[in-house]
PDB file of N, CA and C in Angstrom:
ATOM      1  N   MET A   1    -131.586 149.533 -24.921  1.00  0.00           N
ATOM      2  CA  MET A   1    -130.999 149.312 -26.224  1.00  0.00           C
ATOM      3  C   MET A   1    -132.018 149.642 -27.311  1.00  0.00           C
ATOM      4  N   ILE A   2    -131.535 150.234 -28.399  1.00  0.00           N
ATOM      5  CA  ILE A   2    -132.375 150.469 -29.569  1.00  0.00           C
ATOM      6  C   ILE A   2    -132.254 149.250 -30.470  1.00  0.00           C
ATOM      7  N   GLU A   3    -133.391 148.737 -30.880  1.00  0.00           N
ATOM      8  CA  GLU A   3    -133.429 147.636 -31.832  1.00  0.00           C
ATOM      9  C   GLU A   3    -134.101 148.151 -33.105  1.00  0.00           C
ATOM     10  N   VAL A   4    -133.389 148.048 -34.220  1.00  0.00           N
ATOM     11  CA  VAL A   4    -133.948 148.457 -35.512  1.00  0.00           C
ATOM     12  C   VAL A   4    -134.105 147.195 -36.356  1.00  0.00           C
ATOM     13  N   ARG A   5    -135.343 146.862 -36.669  1.00  0.00           N
ATOM     14  CA  ARG A   5    -135.635 145.706 -37.520  1.00  0.00           C
ATOM     15  C   ARG A   5    -135.942 146.225 -38.921  1.00  0.00           C
ATOM     16  N   VAL A   6    -135.156 145.771 -39.873  1.00  0.00           N
ATOM     17  CA  VAL A   6    -135.322 146.177 -41.268  1.00  0.00           C
ATOM     18  C   VAL A   6    -135.805 144.954 -42.026  1.00  0.00           C
ATOM     19  N   ARG A   7    -136.920 145.100 -42.702  1.00  0.00           N
ATOM     20  CA  ARG A   7    -137.533 143.950 -43.360  1.00  0.00           C
ATOM     21  C   ARG A   7    -137.411 144.063 -44.875  1.00  0.00           C
ATOM     22  N   GLU A   8    -137.116 142.925 -45.504  1.00  0.00           N
ATOM     23  CA  GLU A   8    -137.110 142.809 -46.966  1.00  0.00           C
ATOM     24  C   GLU A   8    -138.284 141.938 -47.374  1.00  0.00           C
ATOM     25  N   ASP A   9    -138.837 142.218 -48.548  1.00  0.00           N
ATOM     26  CA  ASP A   9    -139.913 141.371 -49.045  1.00  0.00           C
ATOM     27  C   ASP A   9    -139.325 140.140 -49.734  1.00  0.00           C
ATOM     28  N   SER A  10    -140.166 139.312 -50.312  1.00  0.00           N
ATOM     29  CA  SER A  10    -139.715 138.063 -50.929  1.00  0.00           C
ATOM     30  C   SER A  10    -138.803 138.295 -52.131  1.00  0.00           C
ATOM     31  N   ARG A  11    -138.811 139.509 -52.682  1.00  0.00           N
ATOM     32  CA  ARG A  11    -137.925 139.847 -53.808  1.00  0.00           C
ATOM     33  C   ARG A  11    -136.666 140.570 -53.331  1.00  0.00           C
ATOM     34  N   ARG A  12    -136.429 140.521 -52.023  1.00  0.00           N
ATOM     35  CA  ARG A  12    -135.245 141.116 -51.388  1.00  0.00           C
ATOM     36  C   ARG A  12    -135.204 142.646 -51.488  1.00  0.00           C
ATOM     37  N   ARG A  13    -136.377 143.260 -51.574  1.00  0.00           N
ATOM     38  CA  ARG A  13    -136.481 144.720 -51.589  1.00  0.00           C
ATOM     39  C   ARG A  13    -136.826 145.191 -50.181  1.00  0.00           C
ATOM     40  N   LEU A  14    -136.194 146.247 -49.721  1.00  0.00           N
ATOM     41  CA  LEU A  14    -136.526 146.792 -48.408  1.00  0.00           C
ATOM     42  C   LEU A  14    -137.987 147.204 -48.400  1.00  0.00           C
ATOM     43  N   SER A  15    -138.693 146.835 -47.325  1.00  0.00           N
ATOM     44  CA  SER A  15    -140.137 147.076 -47.280  1.00  0.00           C
ATOM     45  C   SER A  15    -140.610 147.799 -46.025  1.00  0.00           C
ATOM     46  N   SER A  16    -139.794 147.782 -44.947  1.00  0.00           N
ATOM     47  CA  SER A  16    -140.215 148.455 -43.717  1.00  0.00           C
ATOM     48  C   SER A  16    -139.060 148.515 -42.727  1.00  0.00           C
ATOM     49  N   PHE A  17    -139.223 149.385 -41.750  1.00  0.00           N
ATOM     50  CA  PHE A  17    -138.339 149.341 -40.593  1.00  0.00           C
ATOM     51  C   PHE A  17    -139.137 149.637 -39.341  1.00  0.00           C
ATOM     52  N   LEU A  18    -138.695 149.036 -38.257  1.00  0.00           N
ATOM     53  CA  LEU A  18    -139.314 149.217 -36.949  1.00  0.00           C
ATOM     54  C   LEU A  18    -138.196 149.454 -35.944  1.00  0.00           C
ATOM     55  N   ALA A  19    -138.228 150.584 -35.299  1.00  0.00           N
ATOM     56  CA  ALA A  19    -137.241 150.906 -34.268  1.00  0.00           C
ATOM     57  C   ALA A  19    -137.949 150.975 -32.928  1.00  0.00           C
ATOM     58  N   THR A  20    -137.360 150.304 -31.932  1.00  0.00           N
ATOM     59  CA  THR A  20    -137.930 150.309 -30.592  1.00  0.00           C
ATOM     60  C   THR A  20    -136.825 150.497 -29.565  1.00  0.00           C
ATOM     61  N   GLY A  21    -137.199 151.052 -28.434  1.00  0.00           N
ATOM     62  CA  GLY A  21    -136.292 151.163 -27.315  1.00  0.00           C
ATOM     63  C   GLY A  21    -135.531 152.470 -27.252  1.00  0.00           C
ATOM     64  N   HIS A  22    -134.605 152.522 -26.311  1.00  0.00           N
ATOM     65  CA  HIS A  22    -133.753 153.693 -26.089  1.00  0.00           C
ATOM     66  C   HIS A  22    -132.324 153.204 -25.924  1.00  0.00           C
ATOM     67  N   ALA A  23    -131.389 154.003 -26.376  1.00  0.00           N
ATOM     68  CA  ALA A  23    -129.985 153.588 -26.384  1.00  0.00           C
ATOM     69  C   ALA A  23    -129.441 153.367 -24.976  1.00  0.00           C
ATOM     70  N   GLY A  24    -129.813 154.212 -24.044  1.00  0.00           N
ATOM     71  CA  GLY A  24    -129.301 154.070 -22.690  1.00  0.00           C
ATOM     72  C   GLY A  24    -127.840 154.469 -22.545  1.00  0.00           C
ATOM     73  N   TRP A  25    -127.322 155.193 -23.511  1.00  0.00           N
ATOM     74  CA  TRP A  25    -125.931 155.623 -23.470  1.00  0.00           C
ATOM     75  C   TRP A  25    -125.740 156.766 -22.477  1.00  0.00           C
ATOM     76  N   ASP A  26    -126.762 157.594 -22.340  1.00  0.00           N
ATOM     77  CA  ASP A  26    -126.750 158.710 -21.391  1.00  0.00           C
ATOM     78  C   ASP A  26    -128.194 158.971 -20.967  1.00  0.00           C
ATOM     79  N   GLU A  27    -128.384 159.912 -20.082  1.00  0.00           N
ATOM     80  CA  GLU A  27    -129.731 160.219 -19.612  1.00  0.00           C
ATOM     81  C   GLU A  27    -130.572 160.832 -20.731  1.00  0.00           C
ATOM     82  N   ALA A  28    -131.880 160.722 -20.599  1.00  0.00           N
ATOM     83  CA  ALA A  28    -132.799 161.269 -21.597  1.00  0.00           C
ATOM     84  C   ALA A  28    -132.496 162.743 -21.833  1.00  0.00           C
ATOM     85  N   GLY A  29    -132.494 163.131 -23.085  1.00  0.00           N
ATOM     86  CA  GLY A  29    -132.197 164.507 -23.452  1.00  0.00           C
ATOM     87  C   GLY A  29    -130.724 164.767 -23.680  1.00  0.00           C
ATOM     88  N   ARG A  30    -129.869 163.831 -23.264  1.00  0.00           N
ATOM     89  CA  ARG A  30    -128.423 163.982 -23.438  1.00  0.00           C
ATOM     90  C   ARG A  30    -127.806 162.792 -24.177  1.00  0.00           C
ATOM     91  N   ASP A  31    -128.646 161.881 -24.613  1.00  0.00           N
ATOM     92  CA  ASP A  31    -128.183 160.645 -25.225  1.00  0.00           C
ATOM     93  C   ASP A  31    -127.930 160.864 -26.720  1.00  0.00           C
ATOM     94  N   VAL A  32    -126.666 161.065 -27.081  1.00  0.00           N
ATOM     95  CA  VAL A  32    -126.325 161.363 -28.473  1.00  0.00           C
ATOM     96  C   VAL A  32    -126.522 160.149 -29.381  1.00  0.00           C
ATOM     97  N   VAL A  33    -126.399 158.946 -28.852  1.00  0.00           N
ATOM     98  CA  VAL A  33    -126.613 157.742 -29.658  1.00  0.00           C
ATOM     99  C   VAL A  33    -128.092 157.649 -30.046  1.00  0.00           C
ATOM    100  N   CYS A  34    -128.945 157.840 -29.081  1.00  0.00           N
ATOM    101  CA  CYS A  34    -130.387 157.820 -29.341  1.00  0.00           C
ATOM    102  C   CYS A  34    -130.769 158.934 -30.319  1.00  0.00           C
ATOM    103  N   ALA A  35    -130.215 160.105 -30.123  1.00  0.00           N
ATOM    104  CA  ALA A  35    -130.510 161.237 -30.993  1.00  0.00           C
ATOM    105  C   ALA A  35    -130.057 160.965 -32.426  1.00  0.00           C
ATOM    106  N   ALA A  36    -128.897 160.351 -32.593  1.00  0.00           N
ATOM    107  CA  ALA A  36    -128.381 160.061 -33.929  1.00  0.00           C
ATOM    108  C   ALA A  36    -129.279 159.074 -34.669  1.00  0.00           C
ATOM    109  N   VAL A  37    -129.647 157.996 -34.005  1.00  0.00           N
ATOM    110  CA  VAL A  37    -130.503 156.985 -34.636  1.00  0.00           C
ATOM    111  C   VAL A  37    -131.874 157.586 -34.955  1.00  0.00           C
ATOM    112  N   ALA A  38    -132.435 158.324 -34.021  1.00  0.00           N
ATOM    113  CA  ALA A  38    -133.748 158.942 -34.242  1.00  0.00           C
ATOM    114  C   ALA A  38    -133.697 159.922 -35.412  1.00  0.00           C
ATOM    115  N   ALA A  39    -132.641 160.714 -35.494  1.00  0.00           N
ATOM    116  CA  ALA A  39    -132.518 161.681 -36.590  1.00  0.00           C
ATOM    117  C   ALA A  39    -132.422 160.978 -37.936  1.00  0.00           C
ATOM    118  N   LEU A  40    -131.663 159.903 -38.004  1.00  0.00           N
ATOM    119  CA  LEU A  40    -131.540 159.166 -39.259  1.00  0.00           C
ATOM    120  C   LEU A  40    -132.870 158.553 -39.688  1.00  0.00           C
ATOM    121  N   LEU A  41    -133.580 157.944 -38.756  1.00  0.00           N
ATOM    122  CA  LEU A  41    -134.846 157.315 -39.104  1.00  0.00           C
ATOM    123  C   LEU A  41    -135.923 158.343 -39.443  1.00  0.00           C
ATOM    124  N   GLN A  42    -135.977 159.420 -38.698  1.00  0.00           N
ATOM    125  CA  GLN A  42    -136.951 160.455 -39.013  1.00  0.00           C
ATOM    126  C   GLN A  42    -136.593 161.139 -40.328  1.00  0.00           C
ATOM    127  N   GLY A  43    -135.297 161.283 -40.606  1.00  0.00           N
ATOM    128  CA  GLY A  43    -134.865 161.830 -41.893  1.00  0.00           C
ATOM    129  C   GLY A  43    -135.280 160.921 -43.045  1.00  0.00           C
ATOM    130  N   ALA A  44    -135.164 159.612 -42.839  1.00  0.00           N
ATOM    131  CA  ALA A  44    -135.613 158.665 -43.866  1.00  0.00           C
ATOM    132  C   ALA A  44    -137.114 158.784 -44.093  1.00  0.00           C
ATOM    133  N   LEU A  45    -137.866 158.928 -43.026  1.00  0.00           N
ATOM    134  CA  LEU A  45    -139.316 159.083 -43.151  1.00  0.00           C
ATOM    135  C   LEU A  45    -139.658 160.346 -43.939  1.00  0.00           C
ATOM    136  N   VAL A  46    -139.017 161.452 -43.623  1.00  0.00           N
ATOM    137  CA  VAL A  46    -139.244 162.707 -44.354  1.00  0.00           C
ATOM    138  C   VAL A  46    -138.828 162.543 -45.820  1.00  0.00           C
ATOM    139  N   GLY A  47    -137.687 161.899 -46.050  1.00  0.00           N
ATOM    140  CA  GLY A  47    -137.225 161.680 -47.411  1.00  0.00           C
ATOM    141  C   GLY A  47    -138.200 160.852 -48.232  1.00  0.00           C
ATOM    142  N   LEU A  48    -138.716 159.802 -47.629  1.00  0.00           N
ATOM    143  CA  LEU A  48    -139.686 158.969 -48.337  1.00  0.00           C
ATOM    144  C   LEU A  48    -140.942 159.761 -48.685  1.00  0.00           C
ATOM    145  N   LYS A  49    -141.451 160.512 -47.713  1.00  0.00           N
ATOM    146  CA  LYS A  49    -142.690 161.262 -47.928  1.00  0.00           C
ATOM    147  C   LYS A  49    -142.512 162.467 -48.844  1.00  0.00           C
ATOM    148  N   GLU A  50    -141.481 163.271 -48.586  1.00  0.00           N
ATOM    149  CA  GLU A  50    -141.379 164.565 -49.253  1.00  0.00           C
ATOM    150  C   GLU A  50    -140.449 164.598 -50.459  1.00  0.00           C
ATOM    151  N   VAL A  51    -139.481 163.708 -50.517  1.00  0.00           N
ATOM    152  CA  VAL A  51    -138.569 163.679 -51.659  1.00  0.00           C
ATOM    153  C   VAL A  51    -139.009 162.615 -52.664  1.00  0.00           C
ATOM    154  N   ALA A  52    -139.178 161.380 -52.196  1.00  0.00           N
ATOM    155  CA  ALA A  52    -139.575 160.288 -53.094  1.00  0.00           C
ATOM    156  C   ALA A  52    -141.090 160.274 -53.338  1.00  0.00           C
ATOM    157  N   ARG A  53    -141.842 161.034 -52.531  1.00  0.00           N
ATOM    158  CA  ARG A  53    -143.301 161.123 -52.657  1.00  0.00           C
ATOM    159  C   ARG A  53    -143.988 159.759 -52.525  1.00  0.00           C
ATOM    160  N   VAL A  54    -143.518 158.997 -51.545  1.00  0.00           N
ATOM    161  CA  VAL A  54    -144.082 157.680 -51.273  1.00  0.00           C
ATOM    162  C   VAL A  54    -145.149 157.820 -50.190  1.00  0.00           C
ATOM    163  N   GLU A  55    -146.267 157.150 -50.402  1.00  0.00           N
ATOM    164  CA  GLU A  55    -147.327 157.151 -49.389  1.00  0.00           C
ATOM    165  C   GLU A  55    -147.021 156.064 -48.372  1.00  0.00           C
ATOM    166  N   VAL A  56    -146.274 156.431 -47.353  1.00  0.00           N
ATOM    167  CA  VAL A  56    -145.873 155.472 -46.328  1.00  0.00           C
ATOM    168  C   VAL A  56    -146.955 155.343 -45.268  1.00  0.00           C
ATOM    169  N   ARG A  57    -146.943 154.220 -44.585  1.00  0.00           N
ATOM    170  CA  ARG A  57    -147.752 154.040 -43.386  1.00  0.00           C
ATOM    171  C   ARG A  57    -146.779 154.097 -42.229  1.00  0.00           C
ATOM    172  N   SER A  58    -147.034 154.979 -41.295  1.00  0.00           N
ATOM    173  CA  SER A  58    -146.115 155.080 -40.164  1.00  0.00           C
ATOM    174  C   SER A  58    -146.884 155.320 -38.879  1.00  0.00           C
ATOM    175  N   THR A  59    -146.313 154.785 -37.807  1.00  0.00           N
ATOM    176  CA  THR A  59    -146.819 155.068 -36.472  1.00  0.00           C
ATOM    177  C   THR A  59    -145.617 155.432 -35.616  1.00  0.00           C
ATOM    178  N   ARG A  60    -145.828 156.441 -34.799  1.00  0.00           N
ATOM    179  CA  ARG A  60    -144.750 156.916 -33.948  1.00  0.00           C
ATOM    180  C   ARG A  60    -145.309 157.190 -32.566  1.00  0.00           C
ATOM    181  N   ARG A  61    -144.626 156.659 -31.597  1.00  0.00           N
ATOM    182  CA  ARG A  61    -144.916 156.984 -30.201  1.00  0.00           C
ATOM    183  C   ARG A  61    -143.606 156.848 -29.442  1.00  0.00           C
ATOM    184  N   LYS A  62    -143.602 157.249 -28.222  1.00  0.00           N
ATOM    185  CA  LYS A  62    -142.365 157.271 -27.448  1.00  0.00           C
ATOM    186  C   LYS A  62    -141.655 155.916 -27.490  1.00  0.00           C
ATOM    187  N   GLY A  63    -140.428 155.930 -27.966  1.00  0.00           N
ATOM    188  CA  GLY A  63    -139.626 154.721 -28.004  1.00  0.00           C
ATOM    189  C   GLY A  63    -139.971 153.749 -29.116  1.00  0.00           C
ATOM    190  N   ARG A  64    -140.737 154.202 -30.130  1.00  0.00           N
ATOM    191  CA  ARG A  64    -141.146 153.291 -31.208  1.00  0.00           C
ATOM    192  C   ARG A  64    -141.448 154.079 -32.487  1.00  0.00           C
ATOM    193  N   LEU A  65    -140.874 153.616 -33.594  1.00  0.00           N
ATOM    194  CA  LEU A  65    -141.187 154.174 -34.913  1.00  0.00           C
ATOM    195  C   LEU A  65    -141.317 153.010 -35.884  1.00  0.00           C
ATOM    196  N   ASP A  66    -142.485 152.899 -36.501  1.00  0.00           N
ATOM    197  CA  ASP A  66    -142.784 151.824 -37.443  1.00  0.00           C
ATOM    198  C   ASP A  66    -143.124 152.466 -38.781  1.00  0.00           C
ATOM    199  N   VAL A  67    -142.365 152.131 -39.839  1.00  0.00           N
ATOM    200  CA  VAL A  67    -142.562 152.729 -41.157  1.00  0.00           C
ATOM    201  C   VAL A  67    -142.611 151.620 -42.198  1.00  0.00           C
ATOM    202  N   ARG A  68    -143.643 151.669 -43.044  1.00  0.00           N
ATOM    203  CA  ARG A  68    -143.819 150.690 -44.122  1.00  0.00           C
ATOM    204  C   ARG A  68    -144.161 151.434 -45.406  1.00  0.00           C
ATOM    205  N   TRP A  69    -143.677 150.931 -46.526  1.00  0.00           N
ATOM    206  CA  TRP A  69    -143.983 151.557 -47.811  1.00  0.00           C
ATOM    207  C   TRP A  69    -144.509 150.489 -48.761  1.00  0.00           C
ATOM    208  N   PRO A  70    -145.349 150.914 -49.726  1.00  0.00           N
ATOM    209  CA  PRO A  70    -146.022 149.956 -50.602  1.00  0.00           C
ATOM    210  C   PRO A  70    -145.071 149.308 -51.607  1.00  0.00           C
ATOM    211  N   ALA A  71    -145.469 148.129 -52.085  1.00  0.00           N
ATOM    212  CA  ALA A  71    -144.647 147.353 -53.020  1.00  0.00           C
ATOM    213  C   ALA A  71    -144.233 148.143 -54.262  1.00  0.00           C
ATOM    214  N   PRO A  72    -145.105 148.927 -54.890  1.00  0.00           N
ATOM    215  CA  PRO A  72    -144.670 149.644 -56.096  1.00  0.00           C
ATOM    216  C   PRO A  72    -143.501 150.606 -55.848  1.00  0.00           C
ATOM    217  N   ALA A  73    -143.388 151.138 -54.643  1.00  0.00           N
ATOM    218  CA  ALA A  73    -142.306 152.087 -54.331  1.00  0.00           C
ATOM    219  C   ALA A  73    -140.976 151.392 -54.074  1.00  0.00           C
ATOM    220  N   ARG A  74    -140.999 150.101 -53.866  1.00  0.00           N
ATOM    221  CA  ARG A  74    -139.780 149.376 -53.475  1.00  0.00           C
ATOM    222  C   ARG A  74    -138.757 149.267 -54.602  1.00  0.00           C
ATOM    223  N   ASP A  75    -139.186 149.414 -55.848  1.00  0.00           N
ATOM    224  CA  ASP A  75    -138.263 149.381 -56.983  1.00  0.00           C
ATOM    225  C   ASP A  75    -137.729 150.769 -57.321  1.00  0.00           C
ATOM    226  N   ASP A  76    -138.282 151.794 -56.716  1.00  0.00           N
ATOM    227  CA  ASP A  76    -137.880 153.168 -56.996  1.00  0.00           C
ATOM    228  C   ASP A  76    -136.480 153.442 -56.446  1.00  0.00           C
ATOM    229  N   ALA A  77    -135.609 153.998 -57.286  1.00  0.00           N
ATOM    230  CA  ALA A  77    -134.217 154.253 -56.885  1.00  0.00           C
ATOM    231  C   ALA A  77    -134.131 155.220 -55.707  1.00  0.00           C
ATOM    232  N   ALA A  78    -134.979 156.233 -55.681  1.00  0.00           N
ATOM    233  CA  ALA A  78    -134.937 157.202 -54.581  1.00  0.00           C
ATOM    234  C   ALA A  78    -135.328 156.530 -53.268  1.00  0.00           C
ATOM    235  N   THR A  79    -136.370 155.709 -53.301  1.00  0.00           N
ATOM    236  CA  THR A  79    -136.796 154.993 -52.099  1.00  0.00           C
ATOM    237  C   THR A  79    -135.673 154.109 -51.585  1.00  0.00           C
ATOM    238  N   GLN A  80    -135.072 153.343 -52.476  1.00  0.00           N
ATOM    239  CA  GLN A  80    -133.981 152.450 -52.082  1.00  0.00           C
ATOM    240  C   GLN A  80    -132.820 153.235 -51.485  1.00  0.00           C
ATOM    241  N   ALA A  81    -132.440 154.338 -52.123  1.00  0.00           N
ATOM    242  CA  ALA A  81    -131.296 155.120 -51.652  1.00  0.00           C
ATOM    243  C   ALA A  81    -131.566 155.730 -50.277  1.00  0.00           C
ATOM    244  N   ILE A  82    -132.743 156.264 -50.094  1.00  0.00           N
ATOM    245  CA  ILE A  82    -133.085 156.903 -48.816  1.00  0.00           C
ATOM    246  C   ILE A  82    -133.024 155.887 -47.678  1.00  0.00           C
ATOM    247  N   VAL A  83    -133.687 154.759 -47.860  1.00  0.00           N
ATOM    248  CA  VAL A  83    -133.766 153.779 -46.785  1.00  0.00           C
ATOM    249  C   VAL A  83    -132.427 153.085 -46.562  1.00  0.00           C
ATOM    250  N   GLU A  84    -131.772 152.671 -47.624  1.00  0.00           N
ATOM    251  CA  GLU A  84    -130.504 151.956 -47.472  1.00  0.00           C
ATOM    252  C   GLU A  84    -129.441 152.847 -46.838  1.00  0.00           C
ATOM    253  N   THR A  85    -129.422 154.123 -47.168  1.00  0.00           N
ATOM    254  CA  THR A  85    -128.467 155.046 -46.555  1.00  0.00           C
ATOM    255  C   THR A  85    -128.717 155.162 -45.057  1.00  0.00           C
ATOM    256  N   ALA A  86    -129.974 155.300 -44.663  1.00  0.00           N
ATOM    257  CA  ALA A  86    -130.300 155.397 -43.240  1.00  0.00           C
ATOM    258  C   ALA A  86    -129.906 154.113 -42.508  1.00  0.00           C
ATOM    259  N   VAL A  87    -130.246 152.972 -43.087  1.00  0.00           N
ATOM    260  CA  VAL A  87    -129.955 151.692 -42.435  1.00  0.00           C
ATOM    261  C   VAL A  87    -128.452 151.477 -42.304  1.00  0.00           C
ATOM    262  N   ARG A  88    -127.712 151.726 -43.362  1.00  0.00           N
ATOM    263  CA  ARG A  88    -126.262 151.543 -43.293  1.00  0.00           C
ATOM    264  C   ARG A  88    -125.618 152.504 -42.299  1.00  0.00           C
ATOM    265  N   SER A  89    -126.142 153.697 -42.214  1.00  0.00           N
ATOM    266  CA  SER A  89    -125.623 154.663 -41.237  1.00  0.00           C
ATOM    267  C   SER A  89    -125.863 154.171 -39.820  1.00  0.00           C
ATOM    268  N   ILE A  90    -127.041 153.622 -39.577  1.00  0.00           N
ATOM    269  CA  ILE A  90    -127.346 153.086 -38.253  1.00  0.00           C
ATOM    270  C   ILE A  90    -126.497 151.848 -37.969  1.00  0.00           C
ATOM    271  N   GLU A  91    -126.224 151.044 -38.985  1.00  0.00           N
ATOM    272  CA  GLU A  91    -125.335 149.894 -38.793  1.00  0.00           C
ATOM    273  C   GLU A  91    -123.932 150.343 -38.375  1.00  0.00           C
ATOM    274  N   HIS A  92    -123.474 151.459 -38.916  1.00  0.00           N
ATOM    275  CA  HIS A  92    -122.178 152.016 -38.489  1.00  0.00           C
ATOM    276  C   HIS A  92    -122.228 152.426 -37.018  1.00  0.00           C
ATOM    277  N   ILE A  93    -123.308 153.073 -36.627  1.00  0.00           N
ATOM    278  CA  ILE A  93    -123.466 153.467 -35.226  1.00  0.00           C
ATOM    279  C   ILE A  93    -123.512 152.222 -34.338  1.00  0.00           C
ATOM    280  N   ALA A  94    -124.217 151.186 -34.784  1.00  0.00           N
ATOM    281  CA  ALA A  94    -124.326 149.950 -33.999  1.00  0.00           C
ATOM    282  C   ALA A  94    -122.954 149.301 -33.796  1.00  0.00           C
ATOM    283  N   ARG A  95    -122.072 149.398 -34.779  1.00  0.00           N
ATOM    284  CA  ARG A  95    -120.721 148.850 -34.611  1.00  0.00           C
ATOM    285  C   ARG A  95    -119.921 149.656 -33.593  1.00  0.00           C
ATOM    286  N   GLN A  96    -120.177 150.957 -33.520  1.00  0.00           N
ATOM    287  CA  GLN A  96    -119.465 151.808 -32.560  1.00  0.00           C
ATOM    288  C   GLN A  96    -120.035 151.684 -31.153  1.00  0.00           C
ATOM    289  N   TYR A  97    -121.327 151.416 -31.053  1.00  0.00           N
ATOM    290  CA  TYR A  97    -122.025 151.337 -29.758  1.00  0.00           C
ATOM    291  C   TYR A  97    -122.842 150.047 -29.686  1.00  0.00           C
ATOM    292  N   PRO A  98    -122.172 148.893 -29.704  1.00  0.00           N
ATOM    293  CA  PRO A  98    -122.908 147.622 -29.761  1.00  0.00           C
ATOM    294  C   PRO A  98    -123.779 147.342 -28.546  1.00  0.00           C
ATOM    295  N   GLN A  99    -123.494 147.974 -27.425  1.00  0.00           N
ATOM    296  CA  GLN A  99    -124.340 147.777 -26.252  1.00  0.00           C
ATOM    297  C   GLN A  99    -125.557 148.697 -26.251  1.00  0.00           C
ATOM    298  N   SER A 100    -125.625 149.600 -27.248  1.00  0.00           N
ATOM    299  CA  SER A 100    -126.725 150.559 -27.294  1.00  0.00           C
ATOM    300  C   SER A 100    -127.642 150.416 -28.504  1.00  0.00           C
ATOM    301  N   VAL A 101    -127.123 149.838 -29.607  1.00  0.00           N
ATOM    302  CA  VAL A 101    -127.897 149.751 -30.851  1.00  0.00           C
ATOM    303  C   VAL A 101    -127.656 148.397 -31.515  1.00  0.00           C
ATOM    304  N   VAL A 102    -128.725 147.798 -32.021  1.00  0.00           N
ATOM    305  CA  VAL A 102    -128.611 146.585 -32.828  1.00  0.00           C
ATOM    306  C   VAL A 102    -129.518 146.742 -34.056  1.00  0.00           C
ATOM    307  N   VAL A 103    -129.019 146.304 -35.201  1.00  0.00           N
ATOM    308  CA  VAL A 103    -129.805 146.300 -36.433  1.00  0.00           C
ATOM    309  C   VAL A 103    -130.009 144.843 -36.837  1.00  0.00           C
ATOM    310  N   ILE A 104    -131.257 144.496 -37.066  1.00  0.00           N
ATOM    311  CA  ILE A 104    -131.605 143.134 -37.463  1.00  0.00           C
ATOM    312  C   ILE A 104    -132.279 143.208 -38.822  1.00  0.00           C
ATOM    313  N   ARG A 105    -131.685 142.551 -39.808  1.00  0.00           N
ATOM    314  CA  ARG A 105    -132.295 142.478 -41.131  1.00  0.00           C
ATOM    315  C   ARG A 105    -133.064 141.170 -41.224  1.00  0.00           C
ATOM    316  N   GLU A 106    -134.326 141.277 -41.660  1.00  0.00           N
ATOM    317  CA  GLU A 106    -135.194 140.111 -41.765  1.00  0.00           C
ATOM    318  C   GLU A 106    -135.746 140.026 -43.188  1.00  0.00           C
ATOM    319  N   ARG A 107    -136.024 138.815 -43.610  1.00  0.00           N
ATOM    320  CA  ARG A 107    -136.615 138.629 -44.931  1.00  0.00           C
ATOM    321  C   ARG A 107    -137.913 137.882 -44.808  1.00  0.00           C
ATOM    322  N   ASP A 108    -138.914 138.387 -45.530  1.00  0.00           N
ATOM    323  CA  ASP A 108    -140.231 137.750 -45.592  1.00  0.00           C
ATOM    324  C   ASP A 108    -140.226 136.836 -46.807  1.00  0.00           C
ATOM    325  N   ASP A 109    -140.082 135.550 -46.587  1.00  0.00           N
ATOM    326  CA  ASP A 109    -140.032 134.600 -47.688  1.00  0.00           C
ATOM    327  C   ASP A 109    -141.412 134.095 -48.087  1.00  0.00           C
ATOM    328  N   GLY A 110    -142.432 134.641 -47.445  1.00  0.00           N
ATOM    329  CA  GLY A 110    -143.791 134.169 -47.705  1.00  0.00           C
ATOM    330  C   GLY A 110    -144.462 134.801 -48.866  1.00  0.00           C
TER     331      GLY A 110
END
């Protein structure tokens, strides 16, 4: 299963996402659910870096993508649109394939 954790800061602004796992819908290389989620998240990363020009911190390795952006970028309309669109799209996929994808929204109240 793919787990996507989307974090909000104390001001309820999106601040990071962490995706782990594999959908398991089909074999590796043929899993359209995994490919869809990966494309959306990688597209968000490219959008943040190249369109919104945000200096993100990201780590990527097999079965894991961790992306964080700095507090000043969280109020930027482009940053919000890029990330929220990706997250909502993945939430739609999770509703269609609940045994393969879950989205968890978390808030940092600290």
